[in-house]
Each structure stands twice: as C-alpha cells, then as structure tokens.
C-alpha cells in the first residue's frame, strides 16, 4: 500500500461588503474574505494539500486568478477538481488536519459544524477531519485569515485487489462447503475395494 502526504497554505485579508465563507460554511460576520473566488481560505488550503500530495500542481495551476470565469466562484468547485485528481492518481483520503489562524470570528463555537461541512464536501467521515483554531497573538495579523492543511492519502488499487481476492476465496470456500454438506459425494475414487463376489451367496 502506498501512502502520500500533502500540505497546503492560504491566506486572505478581511474585506467589508462580502460574505464570509470558511470551510464551505456561511458565517455571520461584519466582513468577508477578499479573493478572486469566494475567498474560502480553508478550502483553498485543503485543495492545495490534495493537489500537492499527488504532485498535480496547485490551485493556481487549475484556476488562475486572472481567469474571469472564477470571479466569485464557490471554492467547492476547486475542491472537487482536487478530489478528481487524487482519484485519477489512484488514491483516497485517510484523514485531513487543518489549522485556522485568525483573530475573529471565533471558530471554536462552530468548529463541529464546519467539520461536518468539510467532511461532506470531501466525502469522508467527520472523524477523519480535524479543524483547530488559533489567534495570531503578537503577529499583527488581526485583519487576515490564514489556513494550514495536511492530508494523508492511501492507494486504492491494493485494497481493491485484496477485496477481489478475498471475494474469490470466499466464493471458492462456499462451493467447497456446499459440496461437502449439500450434495451427494462421489466416493468411487477414495480407494475403497469392491467385493469380487456376491455376498448374498455366503452361507
């Protein structure tokens, strides 16, 4: 089984007049995040982690900010492309861990809901998604949101082959058991001797 690790990073400044979306979750706040797309800093970092894990480039390779098609686009489009890339490469997500660094809004009260949102977008269980929040103490970054993401992938070819092999063995065992239990057995080849005379003639 092959394993791969990817890391991602993204940052966006806060901006008035735009909605705040983090982890695919719309959050009530006075400011959103500036960006060519919807500015979802967390999904951008996760997208880069996934692409990096399979050496497929980065989010800018697929969705350059100079392309007007992605103006205001939902970042789950970027994430789905990254998922397609790892599937094409023959991998699936084992787990993902993330860190959000921002002064506001507070993420801890909504971390569970955000984890559910990210897990749903990734097609994994919420228990395979980690979301942690930190404040940029002393870093003069109060107007910025930063996200880090690390992803672990495993190859899917080996497990699928093992599954097929297991299924074949199970089928063969079922056939053997059926032959032993549910059918009349042919004992002619078991080395038993056939009497050369008619036993009814014995006196």
Protein backbone atom coordinates (compact mmCIF):
# COMPACT_ATOMS: atom_id res chain seq x y z
CA UNK A 1 0.00 0.00 0.00
CA UNK A 2 1.33 3.40 -0.99
CA UNK A 3 0.87 6.46 1.23
CA UNK A 4 1.24 10.14 0.37
CA UNK A 5 1.21 13.34 2.42
CA UNK A 6 0.27 16.80 1.16
CA UNK A 7 0.40 20.22 2.80
CA UNK A 8 -1.49 23.37 1.89
CA UNK A 9 -1.50 27.01 2.93
CA UNK A 10 -3.63 30.02 2.10
CA UNK A 11 -4.35 33.50 3.44
CA UNK A 12 -6.86 36.23 2.71
CA UNK A 13 -7.45 39.68 4.10
CA UNK A 14 -10.82 40.60 5.54
CA UNK A 15 -12.95 42.91 3.44
CA UNK A 16 -16.22 44.68 4.13
CA UNK A 17 -19.21 44.13 1.89
CA UNK A 18 -18.58 40.46 1.01
CA UNK A 19 -19.98 37.33 2.68
CA UNK A 20 -17.73 35.27 4.92
CA UNK A 21 -17.40 31.64 3.83
CA UNK A 22 -14.98 29.25 5.55
CA UNK A 23 -14.97 25.50 5.04
CA UNK A 24 -18.00 25.80 2.77
CA UNK A 25 -19.92 27.27 5.69
CA UNK A 26 -21.51 30.71 5.53
CA UNK A 27 -20.71 32.60 8.73
CA UNK A 28 -22.43 35.67 10.11
CA UNK A 29 -19.76 38.36 10.36
CA UNK A 30 -19.32 42.02 9.52
CA UNK A 31 -16.61 41.24 6.94
CA UNK A 32 -15.81 38.52 4.47
CA UNK A 33 -12.53 37.45 2.89
CA UNK A 34 -11.18 39.20 -0.17
CA UNK A 35 -10.34 36.98 -3.10
CA UNK A 36 -10.97 36.33 -6.76
CA UNK A 37 -13.34 33.50 -5.81
CA UNK A 38 -15.44 33.37 -2.63
CA UNK A 39 -12.24 33.62 -0.57
CA UNK A 40 -12.75 30.37 1.33
CA UNK A 41 -9.32 30.22 2.90
CA UNK A 42 -9.82 26.76 4.41
CA UNK A 43 -11.00 25.02 1.24
CA UNK A 44 -8.17 26.67 -0.69
CA UNK A 45 -5.58 25.26 1.72
CA UNK A 46 -7.19 21.80 1.59
CA UNK A 47 -7.29 21.93 -2.22
CA UNK A 48 -3.57 22.71 -2.36
CA UNK A 49 -2.81 19.91 0.12
CA UNK A 50 -4.69 17.37 -2.03
CA UNK A 51 -3.11 18.52 -5.28
CA UNK A 52 0.34 18.61 -3.73
CA UNK A 53 0.01 15.08 -2.37
CA UNK A 54 -0.26 13.70 -5.91
CA UNK A 55 2.16 16.21 -7.47
CA UNK A 56 -0.60 17.82 -9.54
CA UNK A 57 0.44 21.43 -9.04
CA UNK A 58 -1.56 23.91 -7.02
CA UNK A 59 -4.89 25.69 -7.07
CA UNK A 60 -3.50 28.47 -9.28
CA UNK A 61 -2.49 25.92 -11.91
CA UNK A 62 -6.10 24.90 -12.43
CA UNK A 63 -7.87 28.14 -11.52
CA UNK A 64 -5.67 31.17 -12.20
CA UNK A 65 -6.97 34.38 -10.60
CA UNK A 66 -6.52 36.09 -13.96
CA UNK A 67 -9.33 33.97 -15.42
CA UNK A 68 -12.67 35.83 -15.15
CA UNK A 69 -14.58 32.53 -15.08
CA UNK A 70 -13.60 32.05 -11.44
CA UNK A 71 -14.64 35.50 -10.27
CA UNK A 72 -16.78 34.92 -7.19
CA UNK A 73 -16.81 31.14 -7.78
CA UNK A 74 -17.65 28.76 -4.96
CA UNK A 75 -14.48 27.10 -3.71
CA UNK A 76 -16.08 23.67 -3.57
CA UNK A 77 -15.55 23.63 -7.36
CA UNK A 78 -11.80 23.80 -6.73
CA UNK A 79 -12.04 21.10 -4.09
CA UNK A 80 -13.94 18.72 -6.38
CA UNK A 81 -11.26 19.12 -9.03
CA UNK A 82 -8.59 18.18 -6.48
CA UNK A 83 -10.62 15.13 -5.46
CA UNK A 84 -10.82 14.07 -9.10
CA UNK A 85 -7.04 14.43 -9.40
CA UNK A 86 -6.30 12.19 -6.42
CA UNK A 87 -8.84 9.61 -7.61
CA UNK A 88 -7.24 9.60 -11.07
CA UNK A 89 -3.86 9.08 -9.43
CA UNK A 90 -5.30 6.08 -7.56
CA UNK A 91 -5.55 7.49 -4.06
CA UNK A 92 -8.18 8.27 -1.44
CA UNK A 93 -8.20 10.36 1.73
CA UNK A 94 -7.28 8.72 5.01
CA UNK A 95 -7.59 11.85 7.13
CA UNK A 96 -7.03 15.58 6.99
CA UNK A 97 -5.95 18.05 9.66
CA UNK A 98 -6.24 21.83 9.47
CA UNK A 99 -5.41 24.94 11.45
CA UNK A 100 -7.18 28.29 11.10
CA UNK A 101 -5.33 31.35 12.37
CA UNK A 102 -7.49 34.47 12.81
CA UNK A 103 -8.47 36.92 15.45
CA UNK A 104 -12.14 36.92 14.55
CA UNK A 105 -14.69 35.47 14.28
CA UNK A 106 -14.30 32.75 16.91
CA UNK A 107 -14.14 29.35 15.25
CA UNK A 108 -14.39 27.07 18.29
CA UNK A 109 -18.19 27.50 18.71
CA UNK A 110 -18.78 26.47 15.09
CA UNK A 111 -15.87 24.03 14.63
CA UNK A 112 -18.16 20.99 14.77
CA UNK A 113 -20.49 22.36 12.12
CA UNK A 114 -17.52 23.37 9.98
CA UNK A 115 -16.02 19.90 10.29
CA UNK A 116 -19.32 18.38 9.13
CA UNK A 117 -19.34 20.73 6.15
CA UNK A 118 -15.77 19.90 5.11
CA UNK A 119 -16.30 16.16 5.62
CA UNK A 120 -19.40 16.27 3.44
CA UNK A 121 -17.52 18.06 0.66
CA UNK A 122 -14.63 15.58 0.87
CA UNK A 123 -16.86 12.52 1.07
CA UNK A 124 -15.29 11.30 4.32
CA UNK A 125 -16.48 10.82 7.89
CA UNK A 126 -16.33 13.87 10.20
CA UNK A 127 -13.98 11.90 12.45
CA UNK A 128 -11.40 12.00 9.64
CA UNK A 129 -11.36 15.80 9.56
CA UNK A 130 -9.54 17.91 12.12
CA UNK A 131 -10.19 21.64 12.50
CA UNK A 132 -8.28 23.70 15.04
CA UNK A 133 -8.34 27.45 15.61
CA UNK A 134 -5.59 29.76 16.82
CA UNK A 135 -5.24 33.52 17.26
CA UNK A 136 -2.30 35.43 15.74
CA UNK A 137 -1.01 36.66 19.08
CA UNK A 138 1.55 39.42 18.63
CA UNK A 139 1.80 38.91 14.87
CA UNK A 140 -0.16 42.00 13.79
CA UNK A 141 -2.44 39.88 11.58
CA UNK A 142 -5.81 40.83 13.03
CA UNK A 143 -7.16 41.67 9.58
CA UNK A 144 -6.07 38.42 7.96
CA UNK A 145 -7.29 34.82 7.96
CA UNK A 146 -4.69 32.08 7.48
CA UNK A 147 -5.24 28.36 6.95
CA UNK A 148 -2.91 25.36 7.02
CA UNK A 149 -3.89 21.87 5.89
CA UNK A 150 -2.20 18.47 5.95
CA UNK A 151 -3.68 15.43 4.22
CA UNK A 152 -2.79 11.75 4.30
CA UNK A 153 -3.70 9.63 1.26
CA UNK A 154 -3.52 5.89 0.65
CA UNK A 155 -3.55 3.99 -2.62
CA UNK A 156 -6.83 2.35 -3.53
CA UNK A 157 -5.50 -0.21 -6.02
CA UNK A 158 -4.05 -2.60 -3.43
CA UNK A 159 -7.12 -2.60 -1.21
CA UNK A 160 -9.41 -3.19 -4.20
CA UNK A 161 -7.26 -6.08 -5.41
CA UNK A 162 -7.31 -7.55 -1.91
CA UNK A 163 -11.08 -7.17 -1.84
CA UNK A 164 -11.45 -9.02 -5.13
CA UNK A 165 -9.08 -11.76 -3.96
CA UNK A 166 -10.99 -12.14 -0.71
CA UNK A 167 -14.28 -12.37 -2.59
CA UNK A 168 -12.84 -15.08 -4.85
CA UNK A 169 -11.58 -17.10 -1.90
CA UNK A 170 -14.96 -16.74 -0.19
CA UNK A 171 -16.76 -17.99 -3.30
CA UNK A 172 -14.43 -20.99 -3.57
CA UNK A 173 -14.92 -21.83 0.09
CA UNK A 174 -18.68 -21.58 -0.29
CA UNK A 175 -18.51 -24.01 -3.21
CA UNK A 176 -16.44 -26.48 -1.19
CA UNK A 177 -18.79 -26.30 1.79
CA UNK A 178 -21.80 -26.74 -0.47
CA UNK A 179 -20.19 -29.80 -1.99
CA UNK A 180 -19.46 -31.28 1.42
CA UNK A 181 -22.81 -30.55 3.01
CA UNK A 182 -25.49 -30.16 0.37
CA UNK A 183 -24.59 -32.71 -2.27
CA UNK A 184 -24.10 -36.48 -2.59
CA UNK A 185 -20.42 -37.21 -2.60
CA UNK A 186 -18.79 -39.44 -5.20
CA UNK A 187 -16.67 -41.91 -3.21
CA UNK A 188 -15.55 -44.04 -6.14
CA UNK A 189 -12.10 -42.52 -6.13
CA UNK A 190 -11.44 -42.92 -2.41
CA UNK A 191 -9.62 -46.27 -2.75
CA UNK A 192 -12.42 -48.48 -1.37
CA UNK A 193 -12.31 -52.12 -2.50
CA UNK A 194 -15.24 -53.66 -4.36
CA UNK A 195 -16.06 -57.20 -3.24
CA UNK A 196 -15.34 -59.62 -6.17
CA UNK A 197 -18.28 -61.87 -5.28
CA UNK A 198 -21.94 -61.68 -4.31
CA UNK A 199 -22.22 -61.58 -0.55
CA UNK A 200 -25.77 -62.97 -0.70
CA UNK A 201 -24.29 -66.35 -1.74
CA UNK A 202 -22.39 -66.71 1.53
CA UNK A 203 -23.66 -69.46 3.87
